[in-house]
Amino acid sequence: MKAYDDTKKAKHEQAKQRSLEAIDARLARHEKVTRIILTLVLISAGLTLTLLATHLIDLSN
């Protein structure tokens, strides 16, 4: 009976470890996507500010 309990416990621990690895992989993917989106937003904001500044300079001349 004891060996069966140990096997059941080991299987449970392995399942828990696989679950944690899957969660970690999902988190890494989300983190990568978030970085890409943040970079695109910053580039877009920089271009918008540049266009605005160019437009204001042209209006003042």
Protein backbone atom coordinates (compact mmCIF):
# COMPACT_ATOMS: atom_id res chain seq x y z
CA MET A 1 0.00 0.00 0.00
CA LYS A 2 2.84 2.39 0.81
CA ALA A 3 4.49 1.94 -2.60
CA TYR A 4 1.18 2.74 -4.29
CA ASP A 5 0.84 5.93 -2.25
CA ASP A 6 4.37 6.99 -3.21
CA THR A 7 3.67 6.37 -6.89
CA LYS A 8 0.44 8.33 -6.70
CA LYS A 9 2.26 11.18 -4.95
CA ALA A 10 5.07 11.13 -7.56
CA LYS A 11 2.54 11.27 -10.41
CA HIS A 12 0.79 14.16 -8.72
CA GLU A 13 4.10 16.02 -8.31
CA GLN A 14 4.96 15.41 -11.99
CA ALA A 15 1.57 16.70 -13.08
CA LYS A 16 2.01 19.75 -10.90
CA GLN A 17 5.48 20.34 -12.37
CA ARG A 18 4.14 20.07 -15.96
CA SER A 19 1.38 22.50 -15.07
CA LEU A 20 3.86 24.99 -13.66
CA GLU A 21 6.05 24.65 -16.77
CA ALA A 22 3.03 25.30 -19.00
CA ILE A 23 2.13 28.37 -16.98
CA ASP A 24 5.71 29.62 -17.17
CA ALA A 25 5.79 29.12 -20.96
CA ARG A 26 2.51 31.00 -21.37
CA LEU A 27 3.79 33.83 -19.20
CA ALA A 28 6.98 34.08 -21.27
CA ARG A 29 4.93 34.31 -24.50
CA HIS A 30 2.71 37.03 -23.03
CA GLU A 31 5.75 38.92 -21.81
CA LYS A 32 7.30 38.81 -25.29
CA VAL A 33 4.08 40.03 -26.94
CA THR A 34 3.78 42.80 -24.34
CA ARG A 35 7.32 44.00 -25.07
CA ILE A 36 6.64 44.07 -28.81
CA ILE A 37 3.38 46.00 -28.32
CA LEU A 38 5.07 48.46 -25.96
CA THR A 39 7.87 49.04 -28.48
CA LEU A 40 5.35 49.66 -31.27
CA VAL A 41 3.37 52.08 -29.09
CA LEU A 42 6.53 54.01 -28.20
CA ILE A 43 7.58 54.21 -31.86
CA SER A 44 4.10 55.38 -32.80
CA ALA A 45 4.13 58.02 -30.06
CA GLY A 46 7.56 59.24 -31.20
CA LEU A 47 6.41 59.52 -34.80
CA THR A 48 3.25 61.34 -33.74
CA LEU A 49 5.24 63.84 -31.70
CA THR A 50 7.64 64.36 -34.59
CA LEU A 51 4.77 65.00 -37.02
CA LEU A 52 3.12 67.38 -34.56
CA ALA A 53 6.34 69.32 -34.01
CA THR A 54 6.96 69.50 -37.77
CA HIS A 55 3.42 70.72 -38.35
CA LEU A 56 3.70 73.39 -35.62
CA ILE A 57 7.05 74.60 -36.98
CA ASP A 58 5.59 74.86 -40.48
CA LEU A 59 2.63 76.86 -39.16
CA SER A 60 4.88 79.29 -37.31
CA ASN A 61 6.88 80.09 -40.48
